Amino acid sequence: MSSELRLKKLRGSGGYVMAQVTDEQQVKGNLGGPDLFLAPIGRLNVETITKHFCNTCDKEFEGPPKIEFENPNEEVAENLILAEKGQYICNSCNSSIAEYRVFKKQDEAGEIGSAKPIEQGQSPPQQVEEQTTQETVTEPGPATSVSSIEGRAVYDENANKIGIAKQVGIDSTQSMVLVLTKNDGTEGSISWNNIKKIGEIILLGNPEAASQPGKCSNCGFGNKEGSKFCEECGTNL
């Protein structure tokens, strides 16, 4: 793969930067659509950034934005460490142009295990009956977030089966996601916030969360209000 630098537009939830990137970085920033995104690439060398655009200012500026980052080295799942998190910040108004997360495996040859629970102190889930699917389901909580869910059927809010659960994981924003095998055989992921109930089946549907400003209808990522594209998957908002 060529190491030649090419000038590209890299989008974030609050704007974009123009930067010279390698082919390898372009591959990382390509989420399947026509645009390239900053979040999967991580922290760029400021010397490679020629311009940045801020959605809040609605203006393009010469030179790089500010880049602030920290290294928490926090274990977010078995064999998965959050090594760095940071954001690109507009020099004029201090609005966030893009955020990123860098994860590393403690054992490169090993597999990533169950995600650590996000919520703490929640009371035991209450079992309820879901009439549309005629199977027992429960409210998702810490116990279900780290338990084995492989093989459970996944249904959307209209009780249509969309796939089979594969595992629980962590995405690039340190958010918990459900990884599933879709009906067509491809692999996908769903934000944990979009899961309504878990039991013998997994039922999706969270209208309150879906109506939040900046919430991506495709992957559930919580973008900043006013964003035009999802920073996680590139979908038009």
Protein backbone atom coordinates (compact mmCIF):
# COMPACT_ATOMS: atom_id res chain seq x y z
CA MET A 1 0.00 0.00 0.00
CA SER A 2 1.37 3.42 -0.98
CA SER A 3 2.62 5.78 1.73
CA GLU A 4 2.19 8.82 -0.54
CA LEU A 5 0.26 11.66 1.10
CA ARG A 6 -2.94 12.90 -0.55
CA LEU A 7 -5.00 15.94 0.41
CA LYS A 8 -8.47 14.81 1.58
CA LYS A 9 -11.53 16.21 3.33
CA LEU A 10 -12.09 14.38 6.64
CA ARG A 11 -15.48 14.92 8.25
CA GLY A 12 -16.43 15.13 11.90
CA SER A 13 -19.73 15.67 13.67
CA GLY A 14 -19.05 19.43 13.96
CA GLY A 15 -17.18 20.21 10.77
CA TYR A 16 -14.25 18.91 8.75
CA VAL A 17 -10.51 19.27 8.19
CA MET A 18 -8.45 19.24 5.01
CA ALA A 19 -5.39 17.10 5.61
CA GLN A 20 -2.75 15.09 3.80
CA VAL A 21 -3.27 11.43 4.63
CA THR A 22 -1.76 8.11 3.61
CA ASP A 23 -3.62 5.31 1.84
CA GLU A 24 -3.76 3.42 5.14
CA GLN A 25 -5.40 6.39 6.88
CA GLN A 26 -7.89 6.70 4.01
CA VAL A 27 -8.87 3.07 4.50
CA LYS A 28 -9.45 3.70 8.22
CA GLY A 29 -11.54 6.80 7.50
CA ASN A 30 -13.71 5.10 4.89
CA LEU A 31 -16.92 3.86 6.57
CA GLY A 32 -18.54 2.66 3.38
CA GLY A 33 -19.84 5.91 1.89
CA PRO A 34 -18.39 8.61 -0.35
CA ASP A 35 -16.96 10.60 2.59
CA LEU A 36 -13.92 10.05 4.81
CA PHE A 37 -14.19 10.52 8.58
CA LEU A 38 -11.79 11.70 11.26
CA ALA A 39 -12.98 9.52 14.14
CA PRO A 40 -11.64 6.17 12.85
CA ILE A 41 -8.28 7.73 11.94
CA GLY A 42 -7.57 9.24 15.35
CA ARG A 43 -5.01 11.96 15.98
CA LEU A 44 -3.36 13.45 12.91
CA ASN A 45 -0.06 15.30 12.84
CA VAL A 46 -1.06 18.99 12.88
CA GLU A 47 1.53 19.66 10.20
CA THR A 48 -0.53 17.60 7.73
CA ILE A 49 -3.72 19.69 8.29
CA THR A 50 -4.07 22.65 5.95
CA LYS A 51 -7.59 23.92 6.77
CA HIS A 52 -10.53 23.28 9.09
CA PHE A 53 -14.23 24.09 8.88
CA CYS A 54 -16.46 24.66 11.93
CA ASN A 55 -20.22 24.08 11.64
CA THR A 56 -20.87 26.46 14.56
CA CYS A 57 -18.92 29.32 12.95
CA ASP A 58 -20.07 28.19 9.49
CA LYS A 59 -16.65 29.21 8.27
CA GLU A 60 -13.45 27.65 6.94
CA PHE A 61 -10.16 28.61 8.59
CA GLU A 62 -6.59 28.26 7.39
CA GLY A 63 -4.39 25.88 9.35
CA PRO A 64 -5.21 23.11 11.83
CA PRO A 65 -7.71 23.23 14.69
CA LYS A 66 -6.62 22.60 18.27
CA ILE A 67 -6.24 18.95 19.22
CA GLU A 68 -6.75 18.03 22.87
CA PHE A 69 -6.31 14.47 24.09
CA GLU A 70 -5.69 12.32 27.14
CA ASN A 71 -4.50 8.77 27.76
CA PRO A 72 -6.85 7.10 30.27
CA ASN A 73 -5.51 3.55 29.66
CA GLU A 74 -8.85 2.27 30.93
CA GLU A 75 -9.99 -1.32 30.48
CA VAL A 76 -13.38 -1.14 28.75
CA ALA A 77 -13.69 -4.83 27.91
CA GLU A 78 -11.77 -8.04 28.38
CA ASN A 79 -8.49 -7.61 26.47
CA LEU A 80 -9.44 -4.09 25.30
CA ILE A 81 -7.92 -0.85 26.62
CA LEU A 82 -9.03 2.71 25.86
CA ALA A 83 -5.54 4.07 25.21
CA GLU A 84 -6.39 7.58 24.04
CA LYS A 85 -9.40 9.84 23.59
CA GLY A 86 -9.38 13.31 22.16
CA GLN A 87 -11.09 15.91 20.03
CA TYR A 88 -10.45 18.45 17.33
CA ILE A 89 -11.54 21.92 18.53
CA CYS A 90 -12.25 25.07 16.54
CA ASN A 91 -9.66 27.79 17.22
CA SER A 92 -12.31 30.51 16.96
CA CYS A 93 -15.28 29.31 19.07
CA ASN A 94 -13.88 26.22 20.82
CA SER A 95 -16.64 23.99 19.41
CA SER A 96 -15.82 20.33 18.84
CA ILE A 97 -15.20 19.49 15.19
CA ALA A 98 -14.61 15.78 15.77
CA GLU A 99 -13.92 13.30 18.56
CA TYR A 100 -11.94 10.08 18.43
CA ARG A 101 -11.01 7.05 20.54
CA VAL A 102 -7.99 4.76 20.23
CA PHE A 103 -8.28 1.23 21.56
CA LYS A 104 -5.54 -1.37 22.05
CA LYS A 105 -5.59 -5.05 22.86
CA GLN A 106 -3.52 -6.21 25.81
CA ASP A 107 -2.92 -9.50 24.02
CA GLU A 108 -2.73 -8.88 20.27
CA ALA A 109 -3.22 -12.56 19.52
CA GLY A 110 -6.20 -12.90 21.86
CA GLU A 111 -9.89 -12.19 21.32
CA ILE A 112 -11.82 -9.27 22.79
CA GLY A 113 -14.16 -10.49 25.52
CA SER A 114 -17.32 -9.16 27.12
CA ALA A 115 -17.69 -5.43 27.62
CA LYS A 116 -17.64 -4.05 31.12
CA PRO A 117 -21.09 -2.93 32.33
CA ILE A 118 -21.81 0.76 31.83
CA GLU A 119 -24.61 1.21 34.33
CA GLN A 120 -24.14 0.53 38.02
CA GLY A 121 -26.59 0.15 40.90
CA GLN A 122 -29.61 -0.70 38.76
CA SER A 123 -32.21 -2.88 40.40
CA PRO A 124 -32.76 -6.41 39.02
CA PRO A 125 -34.67 -6.35 35.73
CA GLN A 126 -38.39 -6.99 35.84
CA GLN A 127 -39.72 -9.67 33.54
CA VAL A 128 -42.53 -8.67 31.21
CA GLU A 129 -44.42 -10.37 28.43
CA GLU A 130 -44.05 -9.01 24.89
CA GLN A 131 -47.26 -9.86 23.04
CA THR A 132 -46.03 -9.15 19.51
CA THR A 133 -43.34 -11.81 19.70
CA GLN A 134 -44.99 -14.03 22.32
CA GLU A 135 -41.65 -14.57 24.08
CA THR A 136 -40.49 -13.47 27.53
CA VAL A 137 -38.14 -10.49 27.55
CA THR A 138 -36.56 -8.32 30.26
CA GLU A 139 -35.30 -4.78 30.53
CA PRO A 140 -31.57 -4.68 29.63
CA GLY A 141 -29.24 -3.96 32.57
CA PRO A 142 -25.72 -4.66 33.83
CA ALA A 143 -26.30 -8.39 34.17
CA THR A 144 -27.44 -8.81 30.58
CA SER A 145 -24.75 -6.45 29.24
CA VAL A 146 -21.97 -8.83 30.17
CA SER A 147 -23.75 -12.15 29.85
CA SER A 148 -23.53 -14.42 26.85
CA ILE A 149 -26.20 -13.47 24.29
CA GLU A 150 -24.86 -15.37 21.31
CA GLY A 151 -27.60 -16.96 19.22
CA ARG A 152 -30.54 -14.90 20.49
CA ALA A 153 -32.93 -13.65 17.80
CA VAL A 154 -33.04 -9.87 17.31
CA TYR A 155 -36.38 -8.21 16.46
CA ASP A 156 -37.09 -4.60 15.52
CA GLU A 157 -39.85 -2.47 17.07
CA ASN A 158 -42.34 -3.89 14.55
CA ALA A 159 -41.57 -7.47 15.67
CA ASN A 160 -39.69 -8.27 12.44
CA LYS A 161 -36.69 -10.53 12.90
CA ILE A 162 -33.58 -8.73 11.62
CA GLY A 163 -30.81 -11.12 12.65
CA ILE A 164 -29.04 -13.17 15.30
CA ALA A 165 -26.98 -11.72 18.17
CA LYS A 166 -23.27 -12.47 17.97
CA GLN A 167 -21.67 -10.66 20.91
CA VAL A 168 -21.50 -7.46 22.97
CA GLY A 169 -18.73 -5.04 22.09
CA ILE A 170 -17.43 -1.49 22.37
CA ASP A 171 -17.42 0.92 19.43
CA SER A 172 -14.96 3.73 18.63
CA THR A 173 -16.74 6.14 21.01
CA GLN A 174 -16.46 3.78 24.00
CA SER A 175 -20.19 3.04 23.74
CA MET A 176 -21.58 -0.45 24.17
CA VAL A 177 -22.98 -2.06 21.03
CA LEU A 178 -24.69 -5.30 20.10
CA VAL A 179 -22.94 -7.08 17.24
CA LEU A 180 -25.28 -9.23 15.15
CA THR A 181 -25.41 -11.32 12.02
CA LYS A 182 -28.14 -9.87 9.79
CA ASN A 183 -30.65 -11.91 7.83
CA ASP A 184 -28.58 -11.44 4.67
CA GLY A 185 -25.49 -12.91 6.34
CA THR A 186 -23.62 -9.64 6.80
CA GLU A 187 -22.42 -8.37 10.17
CA GLY A 188 -23.74 -5.20 11.78
CA SER A 189 -23.90 -3.43 15.12
CA ILE A 190 -26.65 -1.68 17.09
CA SER A 191 -26.20 0.90 19.84
CA TRP A 192 -27.03 -0.55 23.27
CA ASN A 193 -29.33 2.45 23.81
CA ASN A 194 -31.55 1.16 20.99
CA ILE A 195 -32.25 -2.12 22.80
CA LYS A 196 -35.61 -2.06 24.54
CA LYS A 197 -35.75 -5.50 26.14
CA ILE A 198 -33.61 -8.63 26.43
CA GLY A 199 -34.63 -12.19 27.26
CA GLU A 200 -35.03 -15.23 25.08
CA ILE A 201 -35.08 -12.67 22.29
CA ILE A 202 -33.68 -9.16 21.91
CA LEU A 203 -36.26 -6.47 21.12
CA LEU A 204 -35.27 -3.11 19.65
CA GLY A 205 -37.14 0.13 20.01
CA ASN A 206 -36.42 3.25 21.97
CA PRO A 207 -38.49 6.11 20.50
CA GLU A 208 -37.40 8.57 23.19
CA ALA A 209 -33.70 8.10 22.39
CA ALA A 210 -34.29 8.06 18.64
CA SER A 211 -35.93 11.51 18.79
CA GLN A 212 -32.91 13.17 20.39
CA PRO A 213 -31.24 15.87 18.25
CA GLY A 214 -28.19 14.48 16.49
CA LYS A 215 -29.18 10.85 17.12
CA CYS A 216 -28.27 8.74 14.08
CA SER A 217 -31.22 6.71 12.80
CA ASN A 218 -28.86 4.12 11.32
CA CYS A 219 -26.39 3.27 14.11
CA GLY A 220 -27.74 5.20 17.12
CA PHE A 221 -24.59 7.31 17.60
CA GLY A 222 -25.21 10.53 19.55
CA ASN A 223 -23.82 13.29 17.34
CA LYS A 224 -23.79 16.92 18.37
CA GLU A 225 -26.95 18.88 17.59
CA GLY A 226 -26.72 20.52 14.17
CA SER A 227 -24.43 17.87 12.69
CA LYS A 228 -25.14 17.06 9.05
CA PHE A 229 -23.46 13.64 8.97
CA CYS A 230 -23.08 10.86 11.53
CA GLU A 231 -19.47 10.78 12.71
CA GLU A 232 -19.69 7.03 13.32
CA CYS A 233 -21.25 5.69 10.09
CA GLY A 234 -21.51 8.68 7.73
CA THR A 235 -25.32 8.63 7.37
CA ASN A 236 -27.02 11.95 6.52
CA LEU A 237 -28.80 13.28 9.62
